């Protein structure tokens, strides 16, 4: 082999090396993009998870408020019925007392 052949082989090797370096740089950029996308997805997942937890807490609070309101409504209904019964009794007593006179 003479020097010209070595130079050709060296040029070919350098060309392959340059192609390899370009591919490597391309893959490194792709890995960075994928890593960025992964980080964004994790961040979004964490935000959604936190919102879901907040919504669950709010849901439980609303359920407790609804139960309390239902209990208060039932108590008010009982009180209304009791007062209506007392009113009716008093009306009957009044009617009886006015008829007796």
PDB file of N, CA and C in Angstrom:
ATOM      1  N   UNK A   1       0.826  -1.177   0.000  1.00  0.00           N
ATOM      2  CA  UNK A   1       0.000   0.000   0.000  1.00  0.00           C
ATOM      3  C   UNK A   1       0.876   1.248   0.000  1.00  0.00           C
ATOM      4  N   UNK A   2       0.413   2.170  -0.784  1.00  0.00           N
ATOM      5  CA  UNK A   2       1.182   3.409  -0.795  1.00  0.00           C
ATOM      6  C   UNK A   2       0.421   4.484  -0.028  1.00  0.00           C
ATOM      7  N   UNK A   3       0.985   5.637   0.023  1.00  0.00           N
ATOM      8  CA  UNK A   3       0.429   6.745   0.798  1.00  0.00           C
ATOM      9  C   UNK A   3      -0.926   7.168   0.256  1.00  0.00           C
ATOM     10  N   UNK A   4      -1.120   7.149  -1.030  1.00  0.00           N
ATOM     11  CA  UNK A   4      -2.386   7.557  -1.631  1.00  0.00           C
ATOM     12  C   UNK A   4      -3.520   6.653  -1.155  1.00  0.00           C
ATOM     13  N   UNK A   5      -3.244   5.339  -1.092  1.00  0.00           N
ATOM     14  CA  UNK A   5      -4.261   4.406  -0.613  1.00  0.00           C
ATOM     15  C   UNK A   5      -4.584   4.659   0.860  1.00  0.00           C
ATOM     16  N   UNK A   6      -3.542   4.923   1.651  1.00  0.00           N
ATOM     17  CA  UNK A   6      -3.759   5.238   3.070  1.00  0.00           C
ATOM     18  C   UNK A   6      -4.586   6.517   3.225  1.00  0.00           C
ATOM     19  N   UNK A   7      -4.280   7.503   2.392  1.00  0.00           N
ATOM     20  CA  UNK A   7      -5.040   8.758   2.451  1.00  0.00           C
ATOM     21  C   UNK A   7      -6.508   8.521   2.079  1.00  0.00           C
ATOM     22  N   UNK A   8      -6.744   7.667   1.065  1.00  0.00           N
ATOM     23  CA  UNK A   8      -8.119   7.335   0.687  1.00  0.00           C
ATOM     24  C   UNK A   8      -8.846   6.641   1.831  1.00  0.00           C
ATOM     25  N   UNK A   9      -8.157   5.682   2.440  1.00  0.00           N
ATOM     26  CA  UNK A   9      -8.764   4.966   3.566  1.00  0.00           C
ATOM     27  C   UNK A   9      -9.019   5.917   4.734  1.00  0.00           C
ATOM     28  N   UNK A  10      -8.080   6.828   4.961  1.00  0.00           N
ATOM     29  CA  UNK A  10      -8.225   7.805   6.027  1.00  0.00           C
ATOM     30  C   UNK A  10      -9.413   8.725   5.740  1.00  0.00           C
ATOM     31  N   UNK A  11      -9.541   9.171   4.493  1.00  0.00           N
ATOM     32  CA  UNK A  11     -10.677  10.007   4.118  1.00  0.00           C
ATOM     33  C   UNK A  11     -11.997   9.243   4.291  1.00  0.00           C
ATOM     34  N   UNK A  12     -11.993   7.985   3.874  1.00  0.00           N
ATOM     35  CA  UNK A  12     -13.205   7.170   4.021  1.00  0.00           C
ATOM     36  C   UNK A  12     -13.542   6.990   5.499  1.00  0.00           C
ATOM     37  N   UNK A  13     -12.532   6.734   6.307  1.00  0.00           N
ATOM     38  CA  UNK A  13     -12.743   6.559   7.749  1.00  0.00           C
ATOM     39  C   UNK A  13     -13.237   7.861   8.370  1.00  0.00           C
ATOM     40  N   UNK A  14     -12.645   8.974   7.962  1.00  0.00           N
ATOM     41  CA  UNK A  14     -13.085  10.279   8.475  1.00  0.00           C
ATOM     42  C   UNK A  14     -14.527  10.570   8.066  1.00  0.00           C
ATOM     43  N   UNK A  15     -14.880  10.188   6.841  1.00  0.00           N
ATOM     44  CA  UNK A  15     -16.250  10.387   6.368  1.00  0.00           C
ATOM     45  C   UNK A  15     -17.225   9.553   7.191  1.00  0.00           C
ATOM     46  N   UNK A  16     -16.851   8.303   7.433  1.00  0.00           N
ATOM     47  CA  UNK A  16     -17.696   7.432   8.260  1.00  0.00           C
ATOM     48  C   UNK A  16     -17.795   8.001   9.669  1.00  0.00           C
ATOM     49  N   UNK A  17     -16.663   8.489  10.178  1.00  0.00           N
ATOM     50  CA  UNK A  17     -16.654   9.087  11.515  1.00  0.00           C
ATOM     51  C   UNK A  17     -17.569  10.302  11.559  1.00  0.00           C
ATOM     52  N   UNK A  18     -17.474  11.181  10.563  1.00  0.00           N
ATOM     53  CA  UNK A  18     -18.330  12.375  10.517  1.00  0.00           C
ATOM     54  C   UNK A  18     -19.801  11.983  10.444  1.00  0.00           C
ATOM     55  N   UNK A  19     -20.118  10.994   9.609  1.00  0.00           N
ATOM     56  CA  UNK A  19     -21.500  10.512   9.532  1.00  0.00           C
ATOM     57  C   UNK A  19     -21.957   9.987  10.894  1.00  0.00           C
ATOM     58  N   UNK A  20     -21.090   9.233  11.522  1.00  0.00           N
ATOM     59  CA  UNK A  20     -21.396   8.686  12.848  1.00  0.00           C
ATOM     60  C   UNK A  20     -21.615   9.788  13.867  1.00  0.00           C
ATOM     61  N   UNK A  21     -20.770  10.826  13.821  1.00  0.00           N
ATOM     62  CA  UNK A  21     -20.929  11.947  14.754  1.00  0.00           C
ATOM     63  C   UNK A  21     -22.226  12.710  14.490  1.00  0.00           C
ATOM     64  N   UNK A  22     -22.575  12.880  13.202  1.00  0.00           N
ATOM     65  CA  UNK A  22     -23.844  13.538  12.875  1.00  0.00           C
ATOM     66  C   UNK A  22     -25.017  12.711  13.396  1.00  0.00           C
ATOM     67  N   UNK A  23     -24.957  11.414  13.186  1.00  0.00           N
ATOM     68  CA  UNK A  23     -26.023  10.534  13.694  1.00  0.00           C
ATOM     69  C   UNK A  23     -26.097  10.597  15.219  1.00  0.00           C
ATOM     70  N   UNK A  24     -24.932  10.582  15.854  1.00  0.00           N
ATOM     71  CA  UNK A  24     -24.885  10.659  17.313  1.00  0.00           C
ATOM     72  C   UNK A  24     -25.519  11.954  17.807  1.00  0.00           C
ATOM     73  N   UNK A  25     -25.155  13.072  17.164  1.00  0.00           N
ATOM     74  CA  UNK A  25     -25.728  14.353  17.548  1.00  0.00           C
ATOM     75  C   UNK A  25     -27.242  14.349  17.340  1.00  0.00           C
ATOM     76  N   UNK A  26     -27.694  13.768  16.232  1.00  0.00           N
ATOM     77  CA  UNK A  26     -29.129  13.675  15.948  1.00  0.00           C
ATOM     78  C   UNK A  26     -29.830  12.854  17.039  1.00  0.00           C
ATOM     79  N   UNK A  27     -29.249  11.723  17.395  1.00  0.00           N
ATOM     80  CA  UNK A  27     -29.843  10.872  18.436  1.00  0.00           C
ATOM     81  C   UNK A  27     -29.829  11.571  19.794  1.00  0.00           C
ATOM     82  N   UNK A  28     -28.755  12.306  20.078  1.00  0.00           N
ATOM     83  CA  UNK A  28     -28.707  13.035  21.349  1.00  0.00           C
ATOM     84  C   UNK A  28     -29.805  14.082  21.410  1.00  0.00           C
ATOM     85  N   UNK A  29     -30.052  14.778  20.304  1.00  0.00           N
ATOM     86  CA  UNK A  29     -31.140  15.748  20.254  1.00  0.00           C
ATOM     87  C   UNK A  29     -32.489  15.064  20.440  1.00  0.00           C
ATOM     88  N   UNK A  30     -32.652  13.902  19.820  1.00  0.00           N
ATOM     89  CA  UNK A  30     -33.906  13.156  19.973  1.00  0.00           C
ATOM     90  C   UNK A  30     -34.106  12.730  21.430  1.00  0.00           C
ATOM     91  N   UNK A  31     -33.036  12.290  22.062  1.00  0.00           N
ATOM     92  CA  UNK A  31     -33.117  11.886  23.471  1.00  0.00           C
ATOM     93  C   UNK A  31     -33.491  13.092  24.334  1.00  0.00           C
ATOM     94  N   UNK A  32     -32.883  14.260  24.045  1.00  0.00           N
ATOM     95  CA  UNK A  32     -33.238  15.476  24.789  1.00  0.00           C
ATOM     96  C   UNK A  32     -34.716  15.810  24.605  1.00  0.00           C
ATOM     97  N   UNK A  33     -35.198  15.725  23.368  1.00  0.00           N
ATOM     98  CA  UNK A  33     -36.610  16.016  23.098  1.00  0.00           C
ATOM     99  C   UNK A  33     -37.520  15.041  23.835  1.00  0.00           C
ATOM    100  N   UNK A  34     -37.165  13.780  23.788  1.00  0.00           N
ATOM    101  CA  UNK A  34     -37.967  12.759  24.466  1.00  0.00           C
ATOM    102  C   UNK A  34     -37.941  12.988  25.976  1.00  0.00           C
ATOM    103  N   UNK A  35     -36.777  13.329  26.502  1.00  0.00           N
ATOM    104  CA  UNK A  35     -36.657  13.597  27.942  1.00  0.00           C
ATOM    105  C   UNK A  35     -37.510  14.803  28.324  1.00  0.00           C
ATOM    106  N   UNK A  36     -37.484  15.841  27.502  1.00  0.00           N
ATOM    107  CA  UNK A  36     -38.294  17.033  27.762  1.00  0.00           C
ATOM    108  C   UNK A  36     -39.785  16.670  27.732  1.00  0.00           C
ATOM    109  N   UNK A  37     -40.168  15.881  26.716  1.00  0.00           N
ATOM    110  CA  UNK A  37     -41.571  15.451  26.638  1.00  0.00           C
ATOM    111  C   UNK A  37     -41.963  14.615  27.854  1.00  0.00           C
ATOM    112  N   UNK A  38     -41.055  13.753  28.273  1.00  0.00           N
ATOM    113  CA  UNK A  38     -41.318  12.922  29.452  1.00  0.00           C
ATOM    114  C   UNK A  38     -41.480  13.789  30.696  1.00  0.00           C
ATOM    115  N   UNK A  39     -40.601  14.764  30.848  1.00  0.00           N
ATOM    116  CA  UNK A  39     -40.704  15.667  31.997  1.00  0.00           C
ATOM    117  C   UNK A  39     -42.024  16.430  31.965  1.00  0.00           C
ATOM    118  N   UNK A  40     -42.401  16.908  30.778  1.00  0.00           N
ATOM    119  CA  UNK A  40     -43.681  17.621  30.639  1.00  0.00           C
ATOM    120  C   UNK A  40     -44.846  16.707  30.995  1.00  0.00           C
ATOM    121  N   UNK A  41     -44.789  15.463  30.523  1.00  0.00           N
ATOM    122  CA  UNK A  41     -45.873  14.512  30.805  1.00  0.00           C
ATOM    123  C   UNK A  41     -45.946  14.209  32.300  1.00  0.00           C
ATOM    124  N   UNK A  42     -44.801  14.058  32.932  1.00  0.00           N
ATOM    125  CA  UNK A  42     -44.792  13.809  34.383  1.00  0.00           C
ATOM    126  C   UNK A  42     -45.375  15.007  35.130  1.00  0.00           C
ATOM    127  N   UNK A  43     -44.985  16.192  34.715  1.00  0.00           N
ATOM    128  CA  UNK A  43     -45.493  17.405  35.359  1.00  0.00           C
ATOM    129  C   UNK A  43     -47.008  17.486  35.191  1.00  0.00           C
ATOM    130  N   UNK A  44     -47.486  17.226  33.986  1.00  0.00           N
ATOM    131  CA  UNK A  44     -48.936  17.261  33.727  1.00  0.00           C
ATOM    132  C   UNK A  44     -49.650  16.199  34.555  1.00  0.00           C
ATOM    133  N   UNK A  45     -49.056  15.005  34.633  1.00  0.00           N
ATOM    134  CA  UNK A  45     -49.655  13.931  35.437  1.00  0.00           C
ATOM    135  C   UNK A  45     -49.746  14.346  36.904  1.00  0.00           C
ATOM    136  N   UNK A  46     -48.674  14.958  37.408  1.00  0.00           N
ATOM    137  CA  UNK A  46     -48.672  15.389  38.808  1.00  0.00           C
ATOM    138  C   UNK A  46     -49.733  16.456  39.060  1.00  0.00           C
ATOM    139  N   UNK A  47     -49.873  17.391  38.109  1.00  0.00           N
ATOM    140  CA  UNK A  47     -50.892  18.432  38.252  1.00  0.00           C
ATOM    141  C   UNK A  47     -52.294  17.819  38.238  1.00  0.00           C
ATOM    142  N   UNK A  48     -52.519  16.891  37.326  1.00  0.00           N
ATOM    143  CA  UNK A  48     -53.829  16.243  37.235  1.00  0.00           C
ATOM    144  C   UNK A  48     -54.112  15.446  38.500  1.00  0.00           C
ATOM    145  N   UNK A  49     -53.097  14.774  38.995  1.00  0.00           N
ATOM    146  CA  UNK A  49     -53.261  13.995  40.226  1.00  0.00           C
ATOM    147  C   UNK A  49     -53.611  14.914  41.395  1.00  0.00           C
ATOM    148  N   UNK A  50     -52.947  16.056  41.473  1.00  0.00           N
ATOM    149  CA  UNK A  50     -53.217  17.004  42.550  1.00  0.00           C
ATOM    150  C   UNK A  50     -54.633  17.570  42.419  1.00  0.00           C
ATOM    151  N   UNK A  51     -55.038  17.880  41.185  1.00  0.00           N
ATOM    152  CA  UNK A  51     -56.404  18.378  40.969  1.00  0.00           C
ATOM    153  C   UNK A  51     -57.427  17.317  41.336  1.00  0.00           C
ATOM    154  N   UNK A  52     -57.136  16.067  41.014  1.00  0.00           N
ATOM    155  CA  UNK A  52     -58.059  14.981  41.345  1.00  0.00           C
ATOM    156  C   UNK A  52     -58.202  14.855  42.864  1.00  0.00           C
ATOM    157  N   UNK A  53     -57.089  14.976  43.579  1.00  0.00           N
ATOM    158  CA  UNK A  53     -57.147  14.922  45.042  1.00  0.00           C
ATOM    159  C   UNK A  53     -57.965  16.085  45.592  1.00  0.00           C
ATOM    160  N   UNK A  54     -57.735  17.273  45.028  1.00  0.00           N
ATOM    161  CA  UNK A  54     -58.517  18.444  45.468  1.00  0.00           C
ATOM    162  C   UNK A  54     -60.000  18.219  45.205  1.00  0.00           C
ATOM    163  N   UNK A  55     -60.312  17.701  44.023  1.00  0.00           N
ATOM    164  CA  UNK A  55     -61.715  17.444  43.683  1.00  0.00           C
ATOM    165  C   UNK A  55     -62.336  16.397  44.603  1.00  0.00           C
ATOM    166  N   UNK A  56     -61.560  15.385  44.965  1.00  0.00           N
ATOM    167  CA  UNK A  56     -62.071  14.372  45.895  1.00  0.00           C
ATOM    168  C   UNK A  56     -62.379  14.998  47.251  1.00  0.00           C
ATOM    169  N   UNK A  57     -61.480  15.880  47.715  1.00  0.00           N
ATOM    170  CA  UNK A  57     -61.718  16.554  49.003  1.00  0.00           C
ATOM    171  C   UNK A  57     -62.977  17.423  48.916  1.00  0.00           C
ATOM    172  N   UNK A  58     -63.085  18.175  47.822  1.00  0.00           N
ATOM    173  CA  UNK A  58     -64.268  19.018  47.649  1.00  0.00           C
ATOM    174  C   UNK A  58     -65.531  18.168  47.570  1.00  0.00           C
ATOM    175  N   UNK A  59     -65.449  17.045  46.878  1.00  0.00           N
ATOM    176  CA  UNK A  59     -66.592  16.141  46.757  1.00  0.00           C
ATOM    177  C   UNK A  59     -67.025  15.646  48.133  1.00  0.00           C
ATOM    178  N   UNK A  60     -66.067  15.245  48.957  1.00  0.00           N
ATOM    179  CA  UNK A  60     -66.400  14.774  50.300  1.00  0.00           C
ATOM    180  C   UNK A  60     -67.015  15.886  51.141  1.00  0.00           C
ATOM    181  N   UNK A  61     -66.487  17.108  50.992  1.00  0.00           N
ATOM    182  CA  UNK A  61     -67.060  18.238  51.727  1.00  0.00           C
ATOM    183  C   UNK A  61     -68.495  18.497  51.273  1.00  0.00           C
ATOM    184  N   UNK A  62     -68.703  18.460  49.957  1.00  0.00           N
ATOM    185  CA  UNK A  62     -70.052  18.693  49.438  1.00  0.00           C
ATOM    186  C   UNK A  62     -71.005  17.589  49.876  1.00  0.00           C
ATOM    187  N   UNK A  63     -70.528  16.346  49.903  1.00  0.00           N
ATOM    188  CA  UNK A  63     -71.375  15.247  50.373  1.00  0.00           C
ATOM    189  C   UNK A  63     -71.752  15.447  51.836  1.00  0.00           C
ATOM    190  N   UNK A  64     -70.785  15.895  52.638  1.00  0.00           N
ATOM    191  CA  UNK A  64     -71.064  16.141  54.055  1.00  0.00           C
ATOM    192  C   UNK A  64     -72.061  17.294  54.209  1.00  0.00           C
ATOM    193  N   UNK A  65     -71.891  18.338  53.401  1.00  0.00           N
ATOM    194  CA  UNK A  65     -72.839  19.465  53.456  1.00  0.00           C
ATOM    195  C   UNK A  65     -74.233  19.014  53.028  1.00  0.00           C
ATOM    196  N   UNK A  66     -74.301  18.204  51.987  1.00  0.00           N
ATOM    197  CA  UNK A  66     -75.592  17.711  51.519  1.00  0.00           C
ATOM    198  C   UNK A  66     -76.264  16.874  52.597  1.00  0.00           C
ATOM    199  N   UNK A  67     -75.512  15.991  53.231  1.00  0.00           N
ATOM    200  CA  UNK A  67     -76.066  15.166  54.309  1.00  0.00           C
ATOM    201  C   UNK A  67     -76.584  16.047  55.444  1.00  0.00           C
ATOM    202  N   UNK A  68     -75.799  17.061  55.810  1.00  0.00           N
ATOM    203  CA  UNK A  68     -76.217  17.981  56.873  1.00  0.00           C
ATOM    204  C   UNK A  68     -77.492  18.709  56.466  1.00  0.00           C
ATOM    205  N   UNK A  69     -77.558  19.164  55.222  1.00  0.00           N
ATOM    206  CA  UNK A  69     -78.754  19.869  54.750  1.00  0.00           C
ATOM    207  C   UNK A  69     -79.965  18.945  54.740  1.00  0.00           C
ATOM    208  N   UNK A  70     -79.753  17.684  54.359  1.00  0.00           N
ATOM    209  CA  UNK A  70     -80.857  16.728  54.367  1.00  0.00           C
ATOM    210  C   UNK A  70     -81.348  16.493  55.793  1.00  0.00           C
ATOM    211  N   UNK A  71     -80.387  16.380  56.731  1.00  0.00           N
ATOM    212  CA  UNK A  71     -80.762  16.206  58.130  1.00  0.00           C
ATOM    213  C   UNK A  71     -81.501  17.435  58.646  1.00  0.00           C
ATOM    214  N   UNK A  72     -81.004  18.628  58.294  1.00  0.00           N
ATOM    215  CA  UNK A  72     -81.665  19.862  58.719  1.00  0.00           C
ATOM    216  C   UNK A  72     -83.065  19.957  58.110  1.00  0.00           C
ATOM    217  N   UNK A  73     -83.199  19.568  56.852  1.00  0.00           N
ATOM    218  CA  UNK A  73     -84.506  19.590  56.200  1.00  0.00           C
ATOM    219  C   UNK A  73     -85.472  18.634  56.883  1.00  0.00           C
ATOM    220  N   UNK A  74     -84.994  17.432  57.202  1.00  0.00           N
ATOM    221  CA  UNK A  74     -85.845  16.458  57.887  1.00  0.00           C
ATOM    222  C   UNK A  74     -86.276  16.995  59.257  1.00  0.00           C
ATOM    223  N   UNK A  75     -85.338  17.629  59.964  1.00  0.00           N
ATOM    224  CA  UNK A  75     -85.670  18.202  61.272  1.00  0.00           C
ATOM    225  C   UNK A  75     -86.682  19.338  61.110  1.00  0.00           C
ATOM    226  N   UNK A  76     -86.509  20.148  60.082  1.00  0.00           N
ATOM    227  CA  UNK A  76     -87.446  21.243  59.842  1.00  0.00           C
ATOM    228  C   UNK A  76     -88.824  20.696  59.479  1.00  0.00           C
ATOM    229  N   UNK A  77     -88.866  19.637  58.710  1.00  0.00           N
ATOM    230  CA  UNK A  77     -90.144  19.006  58.349  1.00  0.00           C
ATOM    231  C   UNK A  77     -90.846  18.473  59.599  1.00  0.00           C
ATOM    232  N   UNK A  78     -90.052  17.810  60.454  1.00  0.00           N
ATOM    233  CA  UNK A  78     -90.641  17.298  61.703  1.00  0.00           C
ATOM    234  C   UNK A  78     -91.175  18.451  62.552  1.00  0.00           C
ATOM    235  N   UNK A  79     -90.412  19.523  62.655  1.00  0.00           N
ATOM    236  CA  UNK A  79     -90.833  20.683  63.446  1.00  0.00           C
ATOM    237  C   UNK A  79     -92.093  21.308  62.829  1.00  0.00           C
ATOM    238  N   UNK A  80     -92.129  21.406  61.493  1.00  0.00           N
ATOM    239  CA  UNK A  80     -93.300  21.963  60.818  1.00  0.00           C
ATOM    240  C   UNK A  80     -94.532  21.122  61.114  1.00  0.00           C
ATOM    241  N   UNK A  81     -94.393  19.795  60.990  1.00  0.00           N
ATOM    242  CA  UNK A  81     -95.531  18.905  61.247  1.00  0.00           C
ATOM    243  C   UNK A  81     -95.988  19.021  62.695  1.00  0.00           C
ATOM    244  N   UNK A  82     -95.035  19.111  63.610  1.00  0.00           N
ATOM    245  CA  UNK A  82     -95.382  19.246  65.024  1.00  0.00           C
ATOM    246  C   UNK A  82     -96.114  20.562  65.268  1.00  0.00           C
ATOM    247  N   UNK A  83     -95.614  21.636  64.678  1.00  0.00           N
ATOM    248  CA  UNK A  83     -96.276  22.931  64.839  1.00  0.00           C
ATOM    249  C   UNK A  83     -97.650  22.953  64.185  1.00  0.00           C
ATOM    250  N   UNK A  84     -97.786  22.305  63.035  1.00  0.00           N
ATOM    251  CA  UNK A  84     -99.098  22.233  62.380  1.00  0.00           C
ATOM    252  C   UNK A  84    -100.086  21.456  63.247  1.00  0.00           C
ATOM    253  N   UNK A  85     -99.581  20.356  63.839  1.00  0.00           N
ATOM    254  CA  UNK A  85    -100.454  19.566  64.711  1.00  0.00           C
ATOM    255  C   UNK A  85    -100.873  20.392  65.922  1.00  0.00           C
ATOM    256  N   UNK A  86     -99.919  21.118  66.494  1.00  0.00           N
ATOM    257  CA  UNK A  86    -100.233  21.969  67.648  1.00  0.00           C
ATOM    258  C   UNK A  86    -101.215  23.066  67.241  1.00  0.00           C
ATOM    259  N   UNK A  87    -101.012  23.651  66.074  1.00  0.00           N
ATOM    260  CA  UNK A  87    -101.928  24.679  65.563  1.00  0.00           C
ATOM    261  C   UNK A  87    -103.335  24.106  65.390  1.00  0.00           C
ATOM    262  N   UNK A  88    -103.403  22.901  64.790  1.00  0.00           N
ATOM    263  CA  UNK A  88    -104.713  22.277  64.575  1.00  0.00           C
ATOM    264  C   UNK A  88    -105.400  21.992  65.902  1.00  0.00           C
ATOM    265  N   UNK A  89    -104.624  21.531  66.909  1.00  0.00           N
ATOM    266  CA  UNK A  89    -105.202  21.268  68.230  1.00  0.00           C
ATOM    267  C   UNK A  89    -105.734  22.559  68.850  1.00  0.00           C
ATOM    268  N   UNK A  90    -104.929  23.615  68.719  1.00  0.00           N
ATOM    269  CA  UNK A  90    -105.370  24.900  69.283  1.00  0.00           C
ATOM    270  C   UNK A  90    -106.595  25.419  68.547  1.00  0.00           C
ATOM    271  N   UNK A  91    -106.645  25.218  67.239  1.00  0.00           N
ATOM    272  CA  UNK A  91    -107.816  25.657  66.460  1.00  0.00           C
ATOM    273  C   UNK A  91    -109.048  24.884  66.899  1.00  0.00           C
ATOM    274  N   UNK A  92    -108.876  23.579  67.134  1.00  0.00           N
ATOM    275  CA  UNK A  92    -110.006  22.761  67.602  1.00  0.00           C
ATOM    276  C   UNK A  92    -110.467  23.224  68.983  1.00  0.00           C
ATOM    277  N   UNK A  93    -109.482  23.488  69.875  1.00  0.00           N
ATOM    278  CA  UNK A  93    -109.833  23.957  71.220  1.00  0.00           C
ATOM    279  C   UNK A  93    -110.561  25.290  71.129  1.00  0.00           C
ATOM    280  N   UNK A  94    -110.090  26.155  70.292  1.00  0.00           N
ATOM    281  CA  UNK A  94    -110.711  27.465  70.133  1.00  0.00           C
ATOM    282  C   UNK A  94    -112.126  27.325  69.567  1.00  0.00           C
ATOM    283  N   UNK A  95    -112.248  26.453  68.590  1.00  0.00           N
ATOM    284  CA  UNK A  95    -113.585  26.222  67.981  1.00  0.00           C
ATOM    285  C   UNK A  95    -114.516  25.619  69.030  1.00  0.00           C
ATOM    286  N   UNK A  96    -114.010  24.687  69.819  1.00  0.00           N
ATOM    287  CA  UNK A  96    -114.843  24.074  70.863  1.00  0.00           C
ATOM    288  C   UNK A  96    -115.240  25.091  71.897  1.00  0.00           C
ATOM    289  N   UNK A  97    -114.306  25.923  72.278  1.00  0.00           N
ATOM    290  CA  UNK A  97    -114.615  26.906  73.325  1.00  0.00           C
ATOM    291  C   UNK A  97    -115.566  27.975  72.833  1.00  0.00           C
ATOM    292  N   UNK A  98    -115.509  28.307  71.563  1.00  0.00           N
ATOM    293  CA  UNK A  98    -116.433  29.319  71.042  1.00  0.00           C
ATOM    294  C   UNK A  98    -117.811  28.706  70.831  1.00  0.00           C
ATOM    295  N   UNK A  99    -117.889  27.427  70.568  1.00  0.00           N
ATOM    296  CA  UNK A  99    -119.192  26.773  70.396  1.00  0.00           C
ATOM    297  C   UNK A  99    -119.886  26.615  71.747  1.00  0.00           C
ATOM    298  N   UNK A 100    -119.120  26.378  72.792  1.00  0.00           N
ATOM    299  CA  UNK A 100    -119.692  26.178  74.110  1.00  0.00           C
ATOM    300  C   UNK A 100    -120.310  27.468  74.594  1.00  0.00           C
ATOM    301  N   UNK A 101    -119.803  28.560  74.313  1.00  0.00           N
ATOM    302  CA  UNK A 101    -120.293  29.856  74.808  1.00  0.00           C
ATOM    303  C   UNK A 101    -121.516  30.259  74.150  1.00  0.00           C
TER     304      UNK A 101
END
